[in-house]
Amino acid sequence: MTIVFHRDFKKKYHKLSPKIVKKLDDRLSLFSKDEFNPVLNNHALKGKWLGYRSINVTGDMRAIFKRDSESALFVIIDSHSNLYR
């Protein structure tokens, strides 16, 4: 599976603290090996994010992506409260 990053995801990524970046990199590595690992809490979303999925990066940070047969497009990373208003 190929992991692709949307430009909005890249913008947010560069603004993250080094601690969160390390955690995200670890989670993406785990995701590439087993996208349904229980640690990730990979789940489908509803509402304005219908058709997308989310993984947990930290207790509050989430990475939202859209999956197709060959790749996962990560579109945004932000706190739970900012994403699900």
PDB file of N, CA and C in Angstrom:
ATOM      1  N   MET A   1       0.828  -1.175   0.000  1.00  0.00           N
ATOM      2  CA  MET A   1       0.000   0.000   0.000  1.00  0.00           C
ATOM      3  C   MET A   1       0.882   1.251   0.000  1.00  0.00           C
ATOM      4  N   THR A   2       0.461   2.234  -0.750  1.00  0.00           N
ATOM      5  CA  THR A   2       1.164   3.500  -0.828  1.00  0.00           C
ATOM      6  C   THR A   2       0.477   4.514   0.074  1.00  0.00           C
ATOM      7  N   ILE A   3       1.264   5.277   0.823  1.00  0.00           N
ATOM      8  CA  ILE A   3       0.720   6.358   1.644  1.00  0.00           C
ATOM      9  C   ILE A   3       1.053   7.667   0.949  1.00  0.00           C
ATOM     10  N   VAL A   4       0.008   8.474   0.728  1.00  0.00           N
ATOM     11  CA  VAL A   4       0.147   9.757   0.036  1.00  0.00           C
ATOM     12  C   VAL A   4      -0.354  10.847   0.980  1.00  0.00           C
ATOM     13  N   PHE A   5       0.257  12.032   0.900  1.00  0.00           N
ATOM     14  CA  PHE A   5      -0.123  13.137   1.778  1.00  0.00           C
ATOM     15  C   PHE A   5      -0.652  14.315   0.962  1.00  0.00           C
ATOM     16  N   HIS A   6      -1.822  14.790   1.336  1.00  0.00           N
ATOM     17  CA  HIS A   6      -2.422  15.975   0.723  1.00  0.00           C
ATOM     18  C   HIS A   6      -1.602  17.194   1.162  1.00  0.00           C
ATOM     19  N   ARG A   7      -1.613  18.245   0.385  1.00  0.00           N
ATOM     20  CA  ARG A   7      -0.824  19.438   0.722  1.00  0.00           C
ATOM     21  C   ARG A   7      -1.270  20.051   2.050  1.00  0.00           C
ATOM     22  N   ASP A   8      -2.563  19.964   2.392  1.00  0.00           N
ATOM     23  CA  ASP A   8      -3.043  20.477   3.681  1.00  0.00           C
ATOM     24  C   ASP A   8      -2.446  19.672   4.841  1.00  0.00           C
ATOM     25  N   PHE A   9      -2.308  18.371   4.637  1.00  0.00           N
ATOM     26  CA  PHE A   9      -1.690  17.517   5.647  1.00  0.00           C
ATOM     27  C   PHE A   9      -0.227  17.930   5.838  1.00  0.00           C
ATOM     28  N   LYS A  10       0.462  18.152   4.738  1.00  0.00           N
ATOM     29  CA  LYS A  10       1.879  18.540   4.809  1.00  0.00           C
ATOM     30  C   LYS A  10       2.058  19.870   5.534  1.00  0.00           C
ATOM     31  N   LYS A  11       1.159  20.828   5.280  1.00  0.00           N
ATOM     32  CA  LYS A  11       1.231  22.135   5.957  1.00  0.00           C
ATOM     33  C   LYS A  11       1.104  21.965   7.461  1.00  0.00           C
ATOM     34  N   LYS A  12       0.115  21.173   7.885  1.00  0.00           N
ATOM     35  CA  LYS A  12      -0.104  20.928   9.311  1.00  0.00           C
ATOM     36  C   LYS A  12       1.067  20.166   9.915  1.00  0.00           C
ATOM     37  N   TYR A  13       1.594  19.212   9.172  1.00  0.00           N
ATOM     38  CA  TYR A  13       2.705  18.385   9.644  1.00  0.00           C
ATOM     39  C   TYR A  13       3.895  19.254  10.048  1.00  0.00           C
ATOM     40  N   HIS A  14       4.212  20.230   9.228  1.00  0.00           N
ATOM     41  CA  HIS A  14       5.374  21.079   9.487  1.00  0.00           C
ATOM     42  C   HIS A  14       5.177  22.001  10.690  1.00  0.00           C
ATOM     43  N   LYS A  15       3.953  22.163  11.145  1.00  0.00           N
ATOM     44  CA  LYS A  15       3.662  23.012  12.306  1.00  0.00           C
ATOM     45  C   LYS A  15       3.573  22.209  13.608  1.00  0.00           C
ATOM     46  N   LEU A  16       3.645  20.893  13.517  1.00  0.00           N
ATOM     47  CA  LEU A  16       3.529  20.043  14.700  1.00  0.00           C
ATOM     48  C   LEU A  16       4.801  20.086  15.538  1.00  0.00           C
ATOM     49  N   SER A  17       4.637  19.807  16.834  1.00  0.00           N
ATOM     50  CA  SER A  17       5.800  19.730  17.715  1.00  0.00           C
ATOM     51  C   SER A  17       6.607  18.473  17.371  1.00  0.00           C
ATOM     52  N   PRO A  18       7.903  18.484  17.665  1.00  0.00           N
ATOM     53  CA  PRO A  18       8.734  17.313  17.375  1.00  0.00           C
ATOM     54  C   PRO A  18       8.212  16.032  18.042  1.00  0.00           C
ATOM     55  N   LYS A  19       7.644  16.163  19.220  1.00  0.00           N
ATOM     56  CA  LYS A  19       7.100  15.005  19.934  1.00  0.00           C
ATOM     57  C   LYS A  19       5.941  14.379  19.151  1.00  0.00           C
ATOM     58  N   ILE A  20       5.048  15.214  18.627  1.00  0.00           N
ATOM     59  CA  ILE A  20       3.897  14.728  17.855  1.00  0.00           C
ATOM     60  C   ILE A  20       4.374  14.156  16.517  1.00  0.00           C
ATOM     61  N   VAL A  21       5.348  14.790  15.890  1.00  0.00           N
ATOM     62  CA  VAL A  21       5.892  14.304  14.620  1.00  0.00           C
ATOM     63  C   VAL A  21       6.456  12.893  14.807  1.00  0.00           C
ATOM     64  N   LYS A  22       7.201  12.674  15.891  1.00  0.00           N
ATOM     65  CA  LYS A  22       7.759  11.352  16.181  1.00  0.00           C
ATOM     66  C   LYS A  22       6.647  10.325  16.356  1.00  0.00           C
ATOM     67  N   LYS A  23       5.616  10.701  17.108  1.00  0.00           N
ATOM     68  CA  LYS A  23       4.492   9.792  17.349  1.00  0.00           C
ATOM     69  C   LYS A  23       3.763   9.484  16.032  1.00  0.00           C
ATOM     70  N   LEU A  24       3.553  10.517  15.202  1.00  0.00           N
ATOM     71  CA  LEU A  24       2.889  10.318  13.911  1.00  0.00           C
ATOM     72  C   LEU A  24       3.707   9.399  13.015  1.00  0.00           C
ATOM     73  N   ASP A  25       5.001   9.620  12.963  1.00  0.00           N
ATOM     74  CA  ASP A  25       5.869   8.763  12.150  1.00  0.00           C
ATOM     75  C   ASP A  25       5.790   7.304  12.608  1.00  0.00           C
ATOM     76  N   ASP A  26       5.762   7.100  13.923  1.00  0.00           N
ATOM     77  CA  ASP A  26       5.619   5.741  14.464  1.00  0.00           C
ATOM     78  C   ASP A  26       4.286   5.129  14.059  1.00  0.00           C
ATOM     79  N   ARG A  27       3.206   5.931  14.152  1.00  0.00           N
ATOM     80  CA  ARG A  27       1.873   5.427  13.808  1.00  0.00           C
ATOM     81  C   ARG A  27       1.757   5.128  12.317  1.00  0.00           C
ATOM     82  N   LEU A  28       2.360   5.957  11.486  1.00  0.00           N
ATOM     83  CA  LEU A  28       2.311   5.708  10.041  1.00  0.00           C
ATOM     84  C   LEU A  28       3.103   4.455   9.670  1.00  0.00           C
ATOM     85  N   SER A  29       4.192   4.232  10.365  1.00  0.00           N
ATOM     86  CA  SER A  29       4.963   3.004  10.144  1.00  0.00           C
ATOM     87  C   SER A  29       4.125   1.780  10.517  1.00  0.00           C
ATOM     88  N   LEU A  30       3.456   1.868  11.636  1.00  0.00           N
ATOM     89  CA  LEU A  30       2.566   0.789  12.067  1.00  0.00           C
ATOM     90  C   LEU A  30       1.413   0.617  11.079  1.00  0.00           C
ATOM     91  N   PHE A  31       0.858   1.738  10.615  1.00  0.00           N
ATOM     92  CA  PHE A  31      -0.245   1.725   9.651  1.00  0.00           C
ATOM     93  C   PHE A  31       0.162   1.011   8.364  1.00  0.00           C
ATOM     94  N   SER A  32       1.372   1.261   7.897  1.00  0.00           N
ATOM     95  CA  SER A  32       1.822   0.648   6.640  1.00  0.00           C
ATOM     96  C   SER A  32       1.966  -0.870   6.768  1.00  0.00           C
ATOM     97  N   LYS A  33       2.210  -1.349   7.987  1.00  0.00           N
ATOM     98  CA  LYS A  33       2.338  -2.792   8.218  1.00  0.00           C
ATOM     99  C   LYS A  33       0.996  -3.459   8.468  1.00  0.00           C
ATOM    100  N   ASP A  34       0.132  -2.774   9.252  1.00  0.00           N
ATOM    101  CA  ASP A  34      -1.175  -3.326   9.619  1.00  0.00           C
ATOM    102  C   ASP A  34      -2.121  -2.169   9.912  1.00  0.00           C
ATOM    103  N   GLU A  35      -2.897  -1.773   8.906  1.00  0.00           N
ATOM    104  CA  GLU A  35      -3.735  -0.584   9.074  1.00  0.00           C
ATOM    105  C   GLU A  35      -4.841  -0.747  10.104  1.00  0.00           C
ATOM    106  N   PHE A  36      -5.130  -1.976  10.516  1.00  0.00           N
ATOM    107  CA  PHE A  36      -6.176  -2.195  11.513  1.00  0.00           C
ATOM    108  C   PHE A  36      -5.608  -2.647  12.861  1.00  0.00           C
ATOM    109  N   ASN A  37      -4.346  -2.321  13.115  1.00  0.00           N
ATOM    110  CA  ASN A  37      -3.758  -2.598  14.412  1.00  0.00           C
ATOM    111  C   ASN A  37      -4.598  -1.878  15.476  1.00  0.00           C
ATOM    112  N   PRO A  38      -4.944  -2.554  16.570  1.00  0.00           N
ATOM    113  CA  PRO A  38      -5.803  -1.933  17.596  1.00  0.00           C
ATOM    114  C   PRO A  38      -5.261  -0.632  18.171  1.00  0.00           C
ATOM    115  N   VAL A  39      -3.958  -0.458  18.189  1.00  0.00           N
ATOM    116  CA  VAL A  39      -3.356   0.776  18.713  1.00  0.00           C
ATOM    117  C   VAL A  39      -3.821   1.990  17.905  1.00  0.00           C
ATOM    118  N   LEU A  40      -4.043   1.810  16.617  1.00  0.00           N
ATOM    119  CA  LEU A  40      -4.423   2.919  15.739  1.00  0.00           C
ATOM    120  C   LEU A  40      -5.882   3.331  15.897  1.00  0.00           C
ATOM    121  N   ASN A  41      -6.725   2.436  16.360  1.00  0.00           N
ATOM    122  CA  ASN A  41      -8.164   2.699  16.450  1.00  0.00           C
ATOM    123  C   ASN A  41      -8.706   3.217  15.113  1.00  0.00           C
ATOM    124  N   ASN A  42      -8.345   2.547  14.036  1.00  0.00           N
ATOM    125  CA  ASN A  42      -8.788   2.908  12.683  1.00  0.00           C
ATOM    126  C   ASN A  42     -10.301   2.716  12.606  1.00  0.00           C
ATOM    127  N   HIS A  43     -11.014   3.811  12.297  1.00  0.00           N
ATOM    128  CA  HIS A  43     -12.468   3.717  12.239  1.00  0.00           C
ATOM    129  C   HIS A  43     -13.045   4.655  11.185  1.00  0.00           C
ATOM    130  N   ALA A  44     -14.210   4.259  10.666  1.00  0.00           N
ATOM    131  CA  ALA A  44     -14.918   5.074   9.671  1.00  0.00           C
ATOM    132  C   ALA A  44     -15.537   6.289  10.357  1.00  0.00           C
ATOM    133  N   LEU A  45     -15.657   7.364   9.589  1.00  0.00           N
ATOM    134  CA  LEU A  45     -16.225   8.601  10.124  1.00  0.00           C
ATOM    135  C   LEU A  45     -17.615   8.859   9.556  1.00  0.00           C
ATOM    136  N   LYS A  46     -18.344   9.742  10.237  1.00  0.00           N
ATOM    137  CA  LYS A  46     -19.698  10.115   9.817  1.00  0.00           C
ATOM    138  C   LYS A  46     -19.751  11.624   9.607  1.00  0.00           C
ATOM    139  N   GLY A  47     -20.921  12.100   9.244  1.00  0.00           N
ATOM    140  CA  GLY A  47     -21.129  13.539   9.103  1.00  0.00           C
ATOM    141  C   GLY A  47     -20.345  14.124   7.954  1.00  0.00           C
ATOM    142  N   LYS A  48     -19.689  15.268   8.216  1.00  0.00           N
ATOM    143  CA  LYS A  48     -18.961  15.947   7.130  1.00  0.00           C
ATOM    144  C   LYS A  48     -17.764  15.139   6.637  1.00  0.00           C
ATOM    145  N   TRP A  49     -17.319  14.149   7.409  1.00  0.00           N
ATOM    146  CA  TRP A  49     -16.185  13.305   7.023  1.00  0.00           C
ATOM    147  C   TRP A  49     -16.631  11.939   6.503  1.00  0.00           C
ATOM    148  N   LEU A  50     -17.882  11.804   6.109  1.00  0.00           N
ATOM    149  CA  LEU A  50     -18.397  10.544   5.593  1.00  0.00           C
ATOM    150  C   LEU A  50     -17.543  10.077   4.403  1.00  0.00           C
ATOM    151  N   GLY A  51     -17.143   8.823   4.428  1.00  0.00           N
ATOM    152  CA  GLY A  51     -16.289   8.280   3.372  1.00  0.00           C
ATOM    153  C   GLY A  51     -14.815   8.300   3.735  1.00  0.00           C
ATOM    154  N   TYR A  52     -14.483   8.931   4.858  1.00  0.00           N
ATOM    155  CA  TYR A  52     -13.101   8.996   5.334  1.00  0.00           C
ATOM    156  C   TYR A  52     -12.944   8.106   6.560  1.00  0.00           C
ATOM    157  N   ARG A  53     -11.703   7.874   6.924  1.00  0.00           N
ATOM    158  CA  ARG A  53     -11.392   7.094   8.122  1.00  0.00           C
ATOM    159  C   ARG A  53     -10.416   7.896   8.974  1.00  0.00           C
ATOM    160  N   SER A  54     -10.272   7.513  10.222  1.00  0.00           N
ATOM    161  CA  SER A  54      -9.397   8.217  11.142  1.00  0.00           C
ATOM    162  C   SER A  54      -8.548   7.229  11.917  1.00  0.00           C
ATOM    163  N   ILE A  55      -7.319   7.646  12.242  1.00  0.00           N
ATOM    164  CA  ILE A  55      -6.482   6.883  13.167  1.00  0.00           C
ATOM    165  C   ILE A  55      -6.058   7.819  14.293  1.00  0.00           C
ATOM    166  N   ASN A  56      -5.831   7.226  15.456  1.00  0.00           N
ATOM    167  CA  ASN A  56      -5.345   7.998  16.593  1.00  0.00           C
ATOM    168  C   ASN A  56      -3.828   8.141  16.489  1.00  0.00           C
ATOM    169  N   VAL A  57      -3.356   9.363  16.678  1.00  0.00           N
ATOM    170  CA  VAL A  57      -1.919   9.617  16.715  1.00  0.00           C
ATOM    171  C   VAL A  57      -1.478   9.719  18.170  1.00  0.00           C
ATOM    172  N   THR A  58      -2.184  10.544  18.940  1.00  0.00           N
ATOM    173  CA  THR A  58      -1.984  10.641  20.393  1.00  0.00           C
ATOM    174  C   THR A  58      -3.373  10.613  21.012  1.00  0.00           C
ATOM    175  N   GLY A  59      -3.464  10.907  22.288  1.00  0.00           N
ATOM    176  CA  GLY A  59      -4.758  10.927  22.948  1.00  0.00           C
ATOM    177  C   GLY A  59      -5.739  11.884  22.303  1.00  0.00           C
ATOM    178  N   ASP A  60      -5.241  13.005  21.780  1.00  0.00           N
ATOM    179  CA  ASP A  60      -6.123  14.018  21.201  1.00  0.00           C
ATOM    180  C   ASP A  60      -5.933  14.221  19.702  1.00  0.00           C
ATOM    181  N   MET A  61      -4.783  13.853  19.164  1.00  0.00           N
ATOM    182  CA  MET A  61      -4.506  14.094  17.746  1.00  0.00           C
ATOM    183  C   MET A  61      -5.032  12.954  16.877  1.00  0.00           C
ATOM    184  N   ARG A  62      -5.652  13.349  15.745  1.00  0.00           N
ATOM    185  CA  ARG A  62      -6.189  12.383  14.799  1.00  0.00           C
ATOM    186  C   ARG A  62      -5.657  12.691  13.405  1.00  0.00           C
ATOM    187  N   ALA A  63      -5.454  11.637  12.624  1.00  0.00           N
ATOM    188  CA  ALA A  63      -5.076  11.782  11.215  1.00  0.00           C
ATOM    189  C   ALA A  63      -6.219  11.188  10.395  1.00  0.00           C
ATOM    190  N   ILE A  64      -6.745  11.992   9.482  1.00  0.00           N
ATOM    191  CA  ILE A  64      -7.881  11.563   8.662  1.00  0.00           C
ATOM    192  C   ILE A  64      -7.378  11.225   7.268  1.00  0.00           C
ATOM    193  N   PHE A  65      -7.879  10.101   6.741  1.00  0.00           N
ATOM    194  CA  PHE A  65      -7.436   9.644   5.432  1.00  0.00           C
ATOM    195  C   PHE A  65      -8.584   9.032   4.661  1.00  0.00           C
ATOM    196  N   LYS A  66      -8.373   8.914   3.354  1.00  0.00           N
ATOM    197  CA  LYS A  66      -9.314   8.241   2.466  1.00  0.00           C
ATOM    198  C   LYS A  66      -8.562   7.086   1.829  1.00  0.00           C
ATOM    199  N   ARG A  67      -9.180   5.924   1.844  1.00  0.00           N
ATOM    200  CA  ARG A  67      -8.535   4.700   1.363  1.00  0.00           C
ATOM    201  C   ARG A  67      -9.134   4.268   0.038  1.00  0.00           C
ATOM    202  N   ASP A  68      -8.288   3.848  -0.887  1.00  0.00           N
ATOM    203  CA  ASP A  68      -8.767   3.159  -2.085  1.00  0.00           C
ATOM    204  C   ASP A  68      -8.011   1.836  -2.158  1.00  0.00           C
ATOM    205  N   SER A  69      -8.157   1.125  -3.240  1.00  0.00           N
ATOM    206  CA  SER A  69      -7.581  -0.224  -3.307  1.00  0.00           C
ATOM    207  C   SER A  69      -6.052  -0.252  -3.242  1.00  0.00           C
ATOM    208  N   GLU A  70      -5.404   0.818  -3.664  1.00  0.00           N
ATOM    209  CA  GLU A  70      -3.947   0.802  -3.731  1.00  0.00           C
ATOM    210  C   GLU A  70      -3.244   1.770  -2.796  1.00  0.00           C
ATOM    211  N   SER A  71      -3.960   2.776  -2.280  1.00  0.00           N
ATOM    212  CA  SER A  71      -3.283   3.791  -1.476  1.00  0.00           C
ATOM    213  C   SER A  71      -4.185   4.356  -0.384  1.00  0.00           C
ATOM    214  N   ALA A  72      -3.538   5.086   0.515  1.00  0.00           N
ATOM    215  CA  ALA A  72      -4.239   5.826   1.563  1.00  0.00           C
ATOM    216  C   ALA A  72      -3.802   7.279   1.435  1.00  0.00           C
ATOM    217  N   LEU A  73      -4.764   8.172   1.217  1.00  0.00           N
ATOM    218  CA  LEU A  73      -4.478   9.605   1.088  1.00  0.00           C
ATOM    219  C   LEU A  73      -4.783  10.272   2.414  1.00  0.00           C
ATOM    220  N   PHE A  74      -3.754  10.688   3.134  1.00  0.00           N
ATOM    221  CA  PHE A  74      -3.937  11.396   4.398  1.00  0.00           C
ATOM    222  C   PHE A  74      -4.201  12.865   4.078  1.00  0.00           C
ATOM    223  N   VAL A  75      -5.362  13.351   4.530  1.00  0.00           N
ATOM    224  CA  VAL A  75      -5.801  14.684   4.134  1.00  0.00           C
ATOM    225  C   VAL A  75      -5.592  15.741   5.205  1.00  0.00           C
ATOM    226  N   ILE A  76      -5.661  15.371   6.492  1.00  0.00           N
ATOM    227  CA  ILE A  76      -5.510  16.376   7.546  1.00  0.00           C
ATOM    228  C   ILE A  76      -5.097  15.695   8.845  1.00  0.00           C
ATOM    229  N   ILE A  77      -4.379  16.439   9.664  1.00  0.00           N
ATOM    230  CA  ILE A  77      -4.069  16.010  11.026  1.00  0.00           C
ATOM    231  C   ILE A  77      -4.364  17.195  11.930  1.00  0.00           C
ATOM    232  N   ASP A  78      -5.081  16.921  13.003  1.00  0.00           N
ATOM    233  CA  ASP A  78      -5.439  17.999  13.934  1.00  0.00           C
ATOM    234  C   ASP A  78      -5.986  17.373  15.211  1.00  0.00           C
ATOM    235  N   SER A  79      -6.329  18.228  16.161  1.00  0.00           N
ATOM    236  CA  SER A  79      -6.888  17.724  17.414  1.00  0.00           C
ATOM    237  C   SER A  79      -8.322  17.263  17.185  1.00  0.00           C
ATOM    238  N   HIS A  80      -8.766  16.395  18.028  1.00  0.00           N
ATOM    239  CA  HIS A  80     -10.117  15.835  17.944  1.00  0.00           C
ATOM    240  C   HIS A  80     -11.146  16.963  17.936  1.00  0.00           C
ATOM    241  N   SER A  81     -10.997  17.912  18.847  1.00  0.00           N
ATOM    242  CA  SER A  81     -11.985  18.994  18.965  1.00  0.00           C
ATOM    243  C   SER A  81     -12.024  19.885  17.721  1.00  0.00           C
ATOM    244  N   ASN A  82     -10.899  20.111  17.083  1.00  0.00           N
ATOM    245  CA  ASN A  82     -10.885  20.938  15.871  1.00  0.00           C
ATOM    246  C   ASN A  82     -11.472  20.207  14.673  1.00  0.00           C
ATOM    247  N   LEU A  83     -11.299  18.904  14.599  1.00  0.00           N
ATOM    248  CA  LEU A  83     -11.764  18.145  13.456  1.00  0.00           C
ATOM    249  C   LEU A  83     -13.267  17.846  13.492  1.00  0.00           C
ATOM    250  N   TYR A  84     -13.793  17.628  14.676  1.00  0.00           N
ATOM    251  CA  TYR A  84     -15.179  17.160  14.786  1.00  0.00           C
ATOM    252  C   TYR A  84     -16.118  18.181  15.396  1.00  0.00           C
ATOM    253  N   ARG A  85     -15.982  19.427  15.022  1.00  0.00           N
ATOM    254  CA  ARG A  85     -16.884  20.473  15.516  1.00  0.00           C
ATOM    255  C   ARG A  85     -18.223  20.363  14.871  1.00  0.00           C
TER     256      ARG A  85
END
